[in-house]
Amino acid sequence: MQTIVIANNKGGVGKTTTASQLAYYLIRDGYSVIAVDLDGQRNLTSALQGARIIGNALEMVDSRKTPEFTVVPGELVLIEGDRDVPVNSDDVGLRSAVEVLGGLGGADFCIIDTPPAFTGLVYGALISADFMLAPIELKRFSLDGVEAVLRAYVQVQQINKEIGFLGLLPSRFDAVKKTERETLRQVIEAYANLIIPHAIRNRTGYEEAEAQGIPVFDVPTRSGKEAAAEFGAFFEWFMQAIKKKED
């Protein structure tokens, strides 16, 4: 099983959009997926309304017991979020996350959505993961968090030496705004080897998909179709990046 943690210590950068649509595109291609919502805001839980719930994040962490379940090819199952999931950075939460998330299995992929902070649970998830993916918003105050993201990855890599960094994914990009185009240029110059060569635009199709709890490729509007093509291109890149490590 390949475990991908979607993380950034900034809120509103598109983590849930990335996590939910990755899950939907994976099951569309016949893969089995476990989605884990570690964010107390429960946005991923809302965005995956059709998924079969197999557990609760708070109960899982508190009990240190991995849910028992089976999943078939093309099926999406969900460990739902809980508003009382701890947000502190203590070692207890870290060890609990490592134990229960490291014990998950039985699917092709595990996609973990995280809160906008590097809590003990998030570090535990990263220690248990195969890959880290960091959506970033192209606004100056959001970019301040990029160094924190990279620092967290380096810290985790000291323990989980096999974790791969998929990259920084430009998200909620408004290509009409000159400031965002300029910021993207600067980010590419500063982090040339870390920027994913795709951008998730600021489209209403993604908002409609999350509001309805459906894949963006099922949104019938023009914006939905544009978003589906755009995310589909990123998804192809994503699968190639995963396979490179497998090879």
Protein backbone atom coordinates (compact mmCIF):
# COMPACT_ATOMS: atom_id res chain seq x y z
CA MET A 1 0.00 0.00 0.00
CA GLN A 2 1.20 3.49 -0.88
CA THR A 3 0.47 6.09 1.81
CA ILE A 4 0.38 9.74 0.78
CA VAL A 5 0.10 12.52 3.37
CA ILE A 6 -1.24 15.87 2.17
CA ALA A 7 0.31 18.49 4.44
CA ASN A 8 0.93 22.21 4.84
CA ASN A 9 0.90 24.32 7.98
CA LYS A 10 -1.16 26.97 6.18
CA GLY A 11 -4.93 26.73 5.96
CA GLY A 12 -6.96 27.25 2.80
CA VAL A 13 -4.29 26.01 0.40
CA GLY A 14 -6.33 23.20 -1.15
CA LYS A 15 -5.27 20.17 0.89
CA THR A 16 -8.77 18.71 1.03
CA THR A 17 -9.42 19.35 -2.66
CA THR A 18 -6.22 17.52 -3.52
CA ALA A 19 -6.89 14.65 -1.12
CA SER A 20 -10.51 14.09 -2.11
CA GLN A 21 -9.95 14.27 -5.85
CA LEU A 22 -6.90 12.00 -5.68
CA ALA A 23 -9.07 9.45 -3.90
CA TYR A 24 -11.82 9.73 -6.52
CA TYR A 25 -9.44 9.49 -9.47
CA LEU A 26 -7.74 6.44 -7.93
CA ILE A 27 -10.98 4.49 -7.49
CA ARG A 28 -12.06 5.51 -10.98
CA ASP A 29 -8.99 3.66 -12.22
CA GLY A 30 -9.86 0.59 -10.18
CA TYR A 31 -7.60 1.08 -7.16
CA SER A 32 -8.81 0.52 -3.62
CA VAL A 33 -8.35 3.53 -1.34
CA ILE A 34 -8.39 4.27 2.38
CA ALA A 35 -8.96 7.97 3.10
CA VAL A 36 -8.09 9.31 6.55
CA ASP A 37 -9.37 12.66 7.82
CA LEU A 38 -7.08 13.91 10.60
CA ASP A 39 -8.43 17.48 10.48
CA GLY A 40 -10.92 18.53 13.16
CA GLN A 41 -12.75 20.63 10.57
CA ARG A 42 -13.79 17.33 8.90
CA ASN A 43 -13.59 18.80 5.38
CA LEU A 44 -12.43 15.57 3.79
CA THR A 45 -15.26 13.69 5.48
CA SER A 46 -17.73 16.11 3.89
CA ALA A 47 -16.04 15.92 0.50
CA LEU A 48 -16.24 12.10 0.43
CA GLN A 49 -19.93 11.73 1.18
CA GLY A 50 -20.31 8.47 -0.70
CA ALA A 51 -17.44 6.65 1.02
CA ARG A 52 -18.07 3.78 3.41
CA ILE A 53 -17.02 4.82 6.92
CA ILE A 54 -14.82 2.24 8.65
CA GLY A 55 -13.69 4.20 11.68
CA ASN A 56 -13.30 7.50 13.50
CA ALA A 57 -9.96 9.30 13.71
CA LEU A 58 -10.28 10.26 17.39
CA GLU A 59 -11.40 6.81 18.49
CA MET A 60 -8.62 5.23 16.46
CA VAL A 61 -5.91 7.41 17.99
CA ASP A 62 -7.26 7.18 21.54
CA SER A 63 -7.62 3.40 21.45
CA ARG A 64 -4.45 2.85 19.41
CA LYS A 65 -6.40 0.24 17.50
CA THR A 66 -6.46 0.05 13.71
CA PRO A 67 -10.02 -0.49 12.37
CA GLU A 68 -10.80 -3.94 11.03
CA PHE A 69 -12.20 -3.84 7.52
CA THR A 70 -11.92 -5.19 4.01
CA VAL A 71 -11.88 -3.15 0.81
CA VAL A 72 -12.34 -4.32 -2.76
CA PRO A 73 -10.79 -2.94 -5.98
CA GLY A 74 -12.36 0.35 -6.97
CA GLU A 75 -13.76 0.98 -3.48
CA LEU A 76 -13.16 4.01 -1.25
CA VAL A 77 -13.40 3.66 2.52
CA LEU A 78 -13.06 6.47 5.03
CA ILE A 79 -11.78 6.97 8.56
CA GLU A 80 -13.89 10.01 9.31
CA GLY A 81 -12.67 13.16 11.01
CA ASP A 82 -13.64 14.19 14.51
CA ARG A 83 -13.93 17.73 15.86
CA ASP A 84 -12.07 16.69 19.01
CA VAL A 85 -8.98 15.31 17.28
CA PRO A 86 -6.05 16.67 19.31
CA VAL A 87 -4.12 19.58 17.84
CA ASN A 88 -1.17 19.55 20.22
CA SER A 89 2.30 18.34 19.34
CA ASP A 90 2.98 15.93 22.19
CA ASP A 91 4.82 12.64 21.81
CA VAL A 92 1.74 10.66 22.84
CA GLY A 93 -0.18 11.76 19.76
CA LEU A 94 2.84 11.14 17.56
CA ARG A 95 3.36 7.60 18.86
CA SER A 96 -0.36 6.83 18.58
CA ALA A 97 -0.44 8.03 14.97
CA VAL A 98 2.62 5.99 14.05
CA GLU A 99 1.13 2.89 15.62
CA VAL A 100 -2.35 3.05 14.11
CA LEU A 101 -1.55 4.58 10.73
CA GLY A 102 1.45 2.31 10.30
CA GLY A 103 -0.89 -0.60 10.95
CA LEU A 104 -3.34 0.29 8.19
CA GLY A 105 -3.28 -1.97 5.17
CA GLY A 106 -5.37 -3.95 2.76
CA ALA A 107 -5.76 -1.27 0.09
CA ASP A 108 -3.70 -0.04 -2.83
CA PHE A 109 -3.51 3.53 -1.55
CA CYS A 110 -4.02 5.47 1.67
CA ILE A 111 -4.65 9.23 1.35
CA ILE A 112 -4.33 11.24 4.57
CA ASP A 113 -5.66 14.79 4.89
CA THR A 114 -4.17 16.85 7.73
CA PRO A 115 -4.90 20.02 9.72
CA PRO A 116 -3.06 23.29 8.98
CA ALA A 117 -0.38 22.68 11.61
CA PHE A 118 2.43 20.21 12.15
CA THR A 119 0.92 18.52 15.19
CA GLY A 120 2.06 15.28 16.74
CA LEU A 121 -0.56 13.45 14.69
CA VAL A 122 0.73 14.97 11.46
CA TYR A 123 4.33 14.07 12.25
CA GLY A 124 3.16 10.57 13.13
CA ALA A 125 1.34 10.31 9.82
CA LEU A 126 4.46 11.42 7.95
CA ILE A 127 6.64 8.94 9.81
CA SER A 128 4.25 6.22 8.61
CA ALA A 129 3.99 7.51 5.04
CA ASP A 130 5.56 6.68 1.71
CA PHE A 131 5.10 10.18 0.30
CA MET A 132 4.42 13.76 1.35
CA LEU A 133 2.57 16.16 -0.96
CA ALA A 134 2.28 19.87 -0.15
CA PRO A 135 -0.29 22.07 -1.91
CA ILE A 136 0.68 25.76 -1.78
CA GLU A 137 -1.30 28.89 -2.50
CA LEU A 138 0.40 31.55 -4.60
CA LYS A 139 -0.02 34.42 -2.23
CA ARG A 140 2.95 35.88 -0.41
CA PHE A 141 1.67 35.22 3.09
CA SER A 142 0.97 31.59 2.17
CA LEU A 143 4.43 31.13 0.72
CA ASP A 144 5.91 32.01 4.08
CA GLY A 145 5.00 28.47 5.10
CA VAL A 146 6.98 26.70 2.38
CA GLU A 147 10.17 26.66 4.42
CA ALA A 148 8.23 25.20 7.36
CA VAL A 149 6.93 22.45 5.07
CA LEU A 150 10.41 21.61 3.86
CA ARG A 151 11.80 21.74 7.38
CA ALA A 152 9.13 19.30 8.57
CA TYR A 153 9.97 16.95 5.72
CA VAL A 154 13.68 17.01 6.57
CA GLN A 155 12.91 16.30 10.23
CA VAL A 156 10.68 13.37 9.34
CA GLN A 157 13.21 12.00 6.86
CA GLN A 158 15.69 11.56 9.70
CA ILE A 159 13.33 8.89 11.08
CA ASN A 160 11.48 7.71 7.98
CA LYS A 161 14.37 7.54 5.54
CA GLU A 162 12.19 6.04 2.80
CA ILE A 163 9.64 8.84 2.60
CA GLY A 164 9.55 10.63 -0.73
CA PHE A 165 8.64 14.27 -1.29
CA LEU A 166 6.31 14.47 -4.28
CA GLY A 167 6.63 18.24 -4.36
CA LEU A 168 4.94 21.59 -3.95
CA LEU A 169 1.64 21.73 -5.84
CA PRO A 170 0.52 25.25 -6.86
CA SER A 171 -3.12 25.32 -5.78
CA ARG A 172 -6.05 27.72 -6.06
CA PHE A 173 -4.00 29.51 -8.70
CA ASP A 174 -5.68 32.55 -10.25
CA ALA A 175 -3.87 32.99 -13.55
CA VAL A 176 -5.75 36.23 -14.22
CA LYS A 177 -3.96 37.96 -11.36
CA LYS A 178 -0.58 39.35 -12.29
CA THR A 179 0.61 39.06 -8.68
CA GLU A 180 -0.03 35.33 -8.63
CA ARG A 181 1.66 34.79 -11.98
CA GLU A 182 4.68 36.69 -10.68
CA THR A 183 4.67 34.73 -7.43
CA LEU A 184 4.55 31.46 -9.39
CA ARG A 185 7.58 32.60 -11.40
CA GLN A 186 9.46 33.41 -8.21
CA VAL A 187 8.54 30.08 -6.62
CA ILE A 188 9.70 28.18 -9.68
CA GLU A 189 13.02 30.03 -9.56
CA ALA A 190 13.47 29.41 -5.82
CA TYR A 191 12.29 25.79 -5.73
CA ALA A 192 12.85 24.62 -9.29
CA ASN A 193 13.41 20.98 -8.34
CA LEU A 194 10.45 20.85 -5.94
CA ILE A 195 7.61 22.46 -7.87
CA ILE A 196 5.16 20.03 -9.46
CA PRO A 197 4.74 20.96 -13.15
CA HIS A 198 0.97 21.30 -12.83
CA ALA A 199 -1.26 23.85 -11.13
CA ILE A 200 -4.74 23.52 -9.68
CA ARG A 201 -6.63 26.63 -10.77
CA ASN A 202 -9.17 28.53 -8.69
CA ARG A 203 -12.25 27.05 -10.38
CA THR A 204 -15.85 26.81 -9.20
CA GLY A 205 -15.89 23.22 -10.45
CA TYR A 206 -13.80 22.15 -7.46
CA GLU A 207 -16.10 24.04 -5.08
CA GLU A 208 -19.15 22.37 -6.60
CA ALA A 209 -17.54 18.95 -6.30
CA GLU A 210 -16.69 19.43 -2.62
CA ALA A 211 -20.10 20.89 -1.80
CA GLN A 212 -21.84 17.88 -3.36
CA GLY A 213 -19.30 15.33 -2.15
CA ILE A 214 -18.63 14.04 -5.66
CA PRO A 215 -15.67 13.71 -8.05
CA VAL A 216 -14.94 16.79 -10.10
CA PHE A 217 -15.26 14.69 -13.25
CA ASP A 218 -18.96 14.25 -12.36
CA VAL A 219 -19.60 18.00 -12.23
CA PRO A 220 -21.46 18.71 -15.51
CA THR A 221 -20.66 22.43 -15.77
CA ARG A 222 -18.02 23.94 -18.02
CA SER A 223 -15.89 24.74 -14.98
CA GLY A 224 -16.28 21.15 -13.82
CA LYS A 225 -15.07 19.81 -17.14
CA GLU A 226 -12.10 22.18 -17.16
CA ALA A 227 -11.23 21.21 -13.59
CA ALA A 228 -11.54 17.51 -14.42
CA ALA A 229 -9.14 17.84 -17.36
CA GLU A 230 -6.73 19.88 -15.28
CA PHE A 231 -6.75 17.54 -12.29
CA GLY A 232 -6.59 14.56 -14.64
CA ALA A 233 -3.31 15.86 -16.06
CA PHE A 234 -1.93 16.25 -12.53
CA PHE A 235 -3.17 12.76 -11.67
CA GLU A 236 -1.26 11.24 -14.58
CA TRP A 237 1.89 12.98 -13.33
CA PHE A 238 1.16 11.75 -9.81
CA MET A 239 0.87 8.12 -10.91
CA GLN A 240 4.10 8.34 -12.88
CA ALA A 241 5.89 9.80 -9.85
CA ILE A 242 4.62 6.97 -7.64
CA LYS A 243 5.71 4.34 -10.14
CA LYS A 244 9.19 5.83 -10.44
CA LYS A 245 9.81 5.13 -6.77
CA GLU A 246 8.37 1.62 -7.10
CA ASP A 247 10.78 0.91 -9.95
